[in-house]
Amino acid sequence: MYEHLVVFKFNSNYEPQTEELLVQKLLRLKEQIPGIVGLTAGVNVTEETGNIHGYTLGLRVTFTDQEALRQYGPHPAHQEFVAMLEGIIENVIVVDYPVTG
């Protein structure tokens, strides 16, 4: 299996009420994209406010294998989500790794 972690930082064009719409869109990806075995997404509520650095939305996707992860990026449902970020995203951090143990 492979984990795909993403955190999003939005710019000043971003309206906070958009966050819940983005979360709902992300949650639906599990039913739309083959190879996803687990998916969680949500608004950052950490109490470690000194470590937020402006990143307010998180995503974790577990894939069956690396090929499923590769197919996720170009999938139309994922690309539809990416299009929603147009003009509101400042930065994104992505970490992908194989699950061991």
N, C-alpha and C. Protein backbone atom coordinates (compact mmCIF):
# COMPACT_ATOMS: atom_id res chain seq x y z
N MET A 1 0.85 -1.18 0.00
CA MET A 1 0.00 0.00 0.00
C MET A 1 0.89 1.24 0.00
N TYR A 2 0.29 2.35 -0.41
CA TYR A 2 0.99 3.64 -0.44
C TYR A 2 0.13 4.70 0.24
N GLU A 3 0.79 5.56 1.00
CA GLU A 3 0.13 6.72 1.62
C GLU A 3 0.46 7.97 0.81
N HIS A 4 -0.53 8.83 0.69
CA HIS A 4 -0.41 10.12 0.00
C HIS A 4 -0.92 11.17 0.98
N LEU A 5 -0.01 12.00 1.48
CA LEU A 5 -0.36 13.05 2.43
C LEU A 5 -0.23 14.41 1.75
N VAL A 6 -1.22 15.26 1.95
CA VAL A 6 -1.20 16.59 1.35
C VAL A 6 -1.71 17.60 2.37
N VAL A 7 -1.03 18.75 2.46
CA VAL A 7 -1.53 19.86 3.25
C VAL A 7 -1.57 21.09 2.35
N PHE A 8 -2.63 21.87 2.52
CA PHE A 8 -2.91 23.00 1.64
C PHE A 8 -2.81 24.32 2.40
N LYS A 9 -2.21 25.29 1.74
CA LYS A 9 -2.12 26.66 2.26
C LYS A 9 -2.78 27.57 1.21
N PHE A 10 -3.75 28.35 1.67
CA PHE A 10 -4.52 29.18 0.75
C PHE A 10 -4.06 30.63 0.79
N ASN A 11 -4.31 31.34 -0.31
CA ASN A 11 -3.90 32.75 -0.39
C ASN A 11 -5.04 33.67 0.06
N SER A 12 -4.85 34.96 -0.11
CA SER A 12 -5.83 35.95 0.37
C SER A 12 -7.12 35.95 -0.43
N ASN A 13 -7.16 35.30 -1.61
CA ASN A 13 -8.40 35.20 -2.40
C ASN A 13 -9.35 34.15 -1.84
N TYR A 14 -8.86 33.37 -0.93
CA TYR A 14 -9.59 32.24 -0.37
C TYR A 14 -10.63 32.71 0.64
N GLU A 15 -11.82 32.13 0.59
CA GLU A 15 -12.88 32.41 1.56
C GLU A 15 -13.05 31.17 2.44
N PRO A 16 -12.94 31.32 3.76
CA PRO A 16 -12.97 30.15 4.66
C PRO A 16 -14.15 29.21 4.47
N GLN A 17 -15.31 29.72 4.06
CA GLN A 17 -16.45 28.82 3.86
C GLN A 17 -16.23 27.85 2.71
N THR A 18 -15.25 28.11 1.86
CA THR A 18 -14.92 27.22 0.76
C THR A 18 -14.29 25.93 1.28
N GLU A 19 -13.68 25.99 2.45
CA GLU A 19 -12.97 24.85 3.00
C GLU A 19 -13.87 23.61 3.13
N GLU A 20 -15.06 23.77 3.63
CA GLU A 20 -15.95 22.61 3.81
C GLU A 20 -16.35 22.03 2.45
N LEU A 21 -16.55 22.87 1.46
CA LEU A 21 -16.85 22.40 0.10
C LEU A 21 -15.69 21.56 -0.44
N LEU A 22 -14.46 22.04 -0.20
CA LEU A 22 -13.28 21.30 -0.65
C LEU A 22 -13.17 19.96 0.08
N VAL A 23 -13.42 19.94 1.36
CA VAL A 23 -13.37 18.69 2.13
C VAL A 23 -14.38 17.69 1.57
N GLN A 24 -15.60 18.13 1.33
CA GLN A 24 -16.62 17.23 0.80
C GLN A 24 -16.23 16.68 -0.56
N LYS A 25 -15.65 17.53 -1.40
CA LYS A 25 -15.19 17.10 -2.72
C LYS A 25 -14.09 16.04 -2.58
N LEU A 26 -13.16 16.27 -1.66
CA LEU A 26 -12.09 15.30 -1.43
C LEU A 26 -12.64 13.97 -0.93
N LEU A 27 -13.57 14.00 0.00
CA LEU A 27 -14.13 12.77 0.55
C LEU A 27 -14.81 11.92 -0.51
N ARG A 28 -15.41 12.55 -1.49
CA ARG A 28 -16.08 11.81 -2.57
C ARG A 28 -15.10 11.08 -3.50
N LEU A 29 -13.83 11.48 -3.48
CA LEU A 29 -12.85 10.85 -4.37
C LEU A 29 -12.73 9.35 -4.11
N LYS A 30 -12.97 8.93 -2.88
CA LYS A 30 -12.83 7.50 -2.55
C LYS A 30 -13.78 6.64 -3.39
N GLU A 31 -14.97 7.13 -3.65
CA GLU A 31 -15.93 6.37 -4.45
C GLU A 31 -15.71 6.56 -5.95
N GLN A 32 -14.94 7.56 -6.33
CA GLN A 32 -14.79 7.89 -7.75
C GLN A 32 -13.51 7.36 -8.38
N ILE A 33 -12.50 7.08 -7.58
CA ILE A 33 -11.19 6.73 -8.14
C ILE A 33 -10.79 5.33 -7.69
N PRO A 34 -10.55 4.42 -8.63
CA PRO A 34 -10.14 3.06 -8.28
C PRO A 34 -8.80 3.05 -7.54
N GLY A 35 -8.63 2.08 -6.66
CA GLY A 35 -7.36 1.89 -5.98
C GLY A 35 -7.24 2.60 -4.65
N ILE A 36 -8.24 3.41 -4.28
CA ILE A 36 -8.22 4.08 -2.98
C ILE A 36 -8.86 3.14 -1.95
N VAL A 37 -8.11 2.81 -0.90
CA VAL A 37 -8.65 1.94 0.15
C VAL A 37 -9.01 2.71 1.41
N GLY A 38 -8.53 3.94 1.52
CA GLY A 38 -8.86 4.78 2.66
C GLY A 38 -8.60 6.23 2.32
N LEU A 39 -9.44 7.12 2.82
CA LEU A 39 -9.27 8.54 2.55
C LEU A 39 -9.88 9.34 3.69
N THR A 40 -9.10 10.26 4.22
CA THR A 40 -9.62 11.21 5.20
C THR A 40 -9.18 12.61 4.78
N ALA A 41 -10.00 13.59 5.11
CA ALA A 41 -9.68 14.99 4.81
C ALA A 41 -10.36 15.84 5.86
N GLY A 42 -9.74 16.97 6.17
CA GLY A 42 -10.37 17.85 7.15
C GLY A 42 -9.61 19.13 7.34
N VAL A 43 -10.28 20.03 8.07
CA VAL A 43 -9.74 21.33 8.40
C VAL A 43 -8.79 21.17 9.59
N ASN A 44 -7.65 21.82 9.53
CA ASN A 44 -6.64 21.74 10.58
C ASN A 44 -7.15 22.38 11.86
N VAL A 45 -7.22 21.58 12.93
CA VAL A 45 -7.67 22.09 14.23
C VAL A 45 -6.59 21.90 15.29
N THR A 46 -5.34 21.78 14.86
CA THR A 46 -4.28 21.57 15.82
C THR A 46 -4.18 22.70 16.84
N GLU A 47 -3.82 22.34 18.04
CA GLU A 47 -3.56 23.34 19.08
C GLU A 47 -2.11 23.80 19.04
N GLU A 48 -1.32 23.19 18.18
CA GLU A 48 0.08 23.58 18.00
C GLU A 48 0.15 24.72 16.99
N THR A 49 -0.44 25.85 17.36
CA THR A 49 -0.60 26.96 16.43
C THR A 49 0.72 27.50 15.88
N GLY A 50 1.81 27.32 16.59
CA GLY A 50 3.10 27.77 16.10
C GLY A 50 3.63 26.92 14.96
N ASN A 51 2.99 25.77 14.73
CA ASN A 51 3.44 24.86 13.67
C ASN A 51 2.53 24.81 12.46
N ILE A 52 1.50 25.64 12.42
CA ILE A 52 0.54 25.61 11.31
C ILE A 52 1.15 26.19 10.04
N HIS A 53 1.85 27.30 10.16
CA HIS A 53 2.50 27.96 9.02
C HIS A 53 1.52 28.25 7.88
N GLY A 54 0.26 28.48 8.24
CA GLY A 54 -0.75 28.84 7.24
C GLY A 54 -1.43 27.67 6.56
N TYR A 55 -1.05 26.44 6.88
CA TYR A 55 -1.66 25.26 6.25
C TYR A 55 -2.92 24.88 7.02
N THR A 56 -4.05 24.95 6.33
CA THR A 56 -5.33 24.82 7.02
C THR A 56 -6.18 23.63 6.60
N LEU A 57 -5.74 22.88 5.60
CA LEU A 57 -6.53 21.74 5.12
C LEU A 57 -5.61 20.56 4.90
N GLY A 58 -6.02 19.38 5.37
CA GLY A 58 -5.18 18.20 5.22
C GLY A 58 -5.91 17.06 4.52
N LEU A 59 -5.15 16.21 3.85
CA LEU A 59 -5.68 15.07 3.13
C LEU A 59 -4.74 13.88 3.33
N ARG A 60 -5.33 12.71 3.58
CA ARG A 60 -4.57 11.45 3.63
C ARG A 60 -5.31 10.43 2.78
N VAL A 61 -4.61 9.87 1.81
CA VAL A 61 -5.20 8.84 0.95
C VAL A 61 -4.31 7.61 1.01
N THR A 62 -4.92 6.45 1.22
CA THR A 62 -4.21 5.19 1.18
C THR A 62 -4.60 4.47 -0.11
N PHE A 63 -3.59 4.09 -0.88
CA PHE A 63 -3.80 3.41 -2.16
C PHE A 63 -3.38 1.95 -2.05
N THR A 64 -3.96 1.13 -2.91
CA THR A 64 -3.61 -0.30 -2.92
C THR A 64 -2.15 -0.51 -3.26
N ASP A 65 -1.62 0.30 -4.17
CA ASP A 65 -0.23 0.16 -4.60
C ASP A 65 0.24 1.45 -5.28
N GLN A 66 1.50 1.45 -5.69
CA GLN A 66 2.07 2.65 -6.31
C GLN A 66 1.39 2.98 -7.64
N GLU A 67 0.99 1.97 -8.37
CA GLU A 67 0.34 2.24 -9.66
C GLU A 67 -1.00 2.95 -9.45
N ALA A 68 -1.75 2.57 -8.43
CA ALA A 68 -3.01 3.27 -8.13
C ALA A 68 -2.74 4.73 -7.78
N LEU A 69 -1.67 4.98 -7.04
CA LEU A 69 -1.27 6.36 -6.73
C LEU A 69 -0.94 7.12 -8.01
N ARG A 70 -0.22 6.48 -8.91
CA ARG A 70 0.12 7.13 -10.19
C ARG A 70 -1.12 7.46 -11.01
N GLN A 71 -2.11 6.59 -10.99
CA GLN A 71 -3.34 6.81 -11.76
C GLN A 71 -4.23 7.88 -11.15
N TYR A 72 -4.07 8.14 -9.88
CA TYR A 72 -4.88 9.13 -9.16
C TYR A 72 -4.68 10.54 -9.70
N GLY A 73 -3.44 10.95 -9.92
CA GLY A 73 -3.14 12.31 -10.35
C GLY A 73 -3.89 12.75 -11.59
N PRO A 74 -3.83 12.00 -12.67
CA PRO A 74 -4.52 12.42 -13.89
C PRO A 74 -6.01 12.07 -13.95
N HIS A 75 -6.52 11.36 -12.95
CA HIS A 75 -7.93 10.96 -12.98
C HIS A 75 -8.83 12.20 -13.06
N PRO A 76 -9.88 12.16 -13.89
CA PRO A 76 -10.75 13.33 -14.04
C PRO A 76 -11.36 13.86 -12.74
N ALA A 77 -11.70 12.98 -11.81
CA ALA A 77 -12.28 13.45 -10.54
C ALA A 77 -11.24 14.23 -9.73
N HIS A 78 -10.00 13.77 -9.75
CA HIS A 78 -8.93 14.50 -9.06
C HIS A 78 -8.65 15.82 -9.76
N GLN A 79 -8.62 15.80 -11.07
CA GLN A 79 -8.37 17.04 -11.83
C GLN A 79 -9.48 18.07 -11.61
N GLU A 80 -10.70 17.60 -11.40
CA GLU A 80 -11.82 18.50 -11.10
C GLU A 80 -11.58 19.19 -9.75
N PHE A 81 -11.06 18.44 -8.77
CA PHE A 81 -10.72 19.05 -7.48
C PHE A 81 -9.59 20.06 -7.65
N VAL A 82 -8.55 19.68 -8.38
CA VAL A 82 -7.41 20.59 -8.62
C VAL A 82 -7.90 21.89 -9.24
N ALA A 83 -8.84 21.82 -10.16
CA ALA A 83 -9.38 23.02 -10.80
C ALA A 83 -10.07 23.94 -9.79
N MET A 84 -10.63 23.37 -8.74
CA MET A 84 -11.29 24.18 -7.70
C MET A 84 -10.28 25.04 -6.94
N LEU A 85 -9.01 24.66 -6.98
CA LEU A 85 -7.97 25.39 -6.25
C LEU A 85 -7.44 26.59 -7.03
N GLU A 86 -7.81 26.68 -8.28
CA GLU A 86 -7.34 27.77 -9.15
C GLU A 86 -7.61 29.13 -8.51
N GLY A 87 -6.57 29.91 -8.34
CA GLY A 87 -6.69 31.26 -7.82
C GLY A 87 -6.77 31.39 -6.32
N ILE A 88 -6.85 30.25 -5.59
CA ILE A 88 -6.96 30.36 -4.13
C ILE A 88 -5.82 29.65 -3.39
N ILE A 89 -5.01 28.91 -4.12
CA ILE A 89 -3.96 28.13 -3.46
C ILE A 89 -2.64 28.90 -3.45
N GLU A 90 -1.99 28.91 -2.29
CA GLU A 90 -0.67 29.53 -2.19
C GLU A 90 0.43 28.48 -2.25
N ASN A 91 0.22 27.36 -1.56
CA ASN A 91 1.24 26.32 -1.53
C ASN A 91 0.61 24.99 -1.15
N VAL A 92 1.27 23.92 -1.54
CA VAL A 92 0.84 22.56 -1.22
C VAL A 92 2.08 21.76 -0.87
N ILE A 93 1.98 20.94 0.17
CA ILE A 93 3.05 20.01 0.52
C ILE A 93 2.50 18.60 0.30
N VAL A 94 3.29 17.78 -0.39
CA VAL A 94 2.88 16.41 -0.67
C VAL A 94 3.96 15.45 -0.18
N VAL A 95 3.53 14.38 0.48
CA VAL A 95 4.43 13.32 0.91
C VAL A 95 3.79 12.00 0.51
N ASP A 96 4.51 11.20 -0.27
CA ASP A 96 4.07 9.86 -0.66
C ASP A 96 5.09 8.85 -0.16
N TYR A 97 4.59 7.74 0.40
CA TYR A 97 5.52 6.71 0.88
C TYR A 97 4.84 5.36 0.92
N PRO A 98 5.64 4.29 0.73
CA PRO A 98 5.07 2.94 0.85
C PRO A 98 4.79 2.65 2.32
N VAL A 99 3.71 1.93 2.56
CA VAL A 99 3.35 1.51 3.91
C VAL A 99 4.09 0.21 4.19
N THR A 100 4.82 0.19 5.29
CA THR A 100 5.56 -1.00 5.67
C THR A 100 5.14 -1.43 7.07
N GLY A 101 5.33 -2.70 7.34
CA GLY A 101 5.08 -3.19 8.68
C GLY A 101 3.72 -3.64 8.97
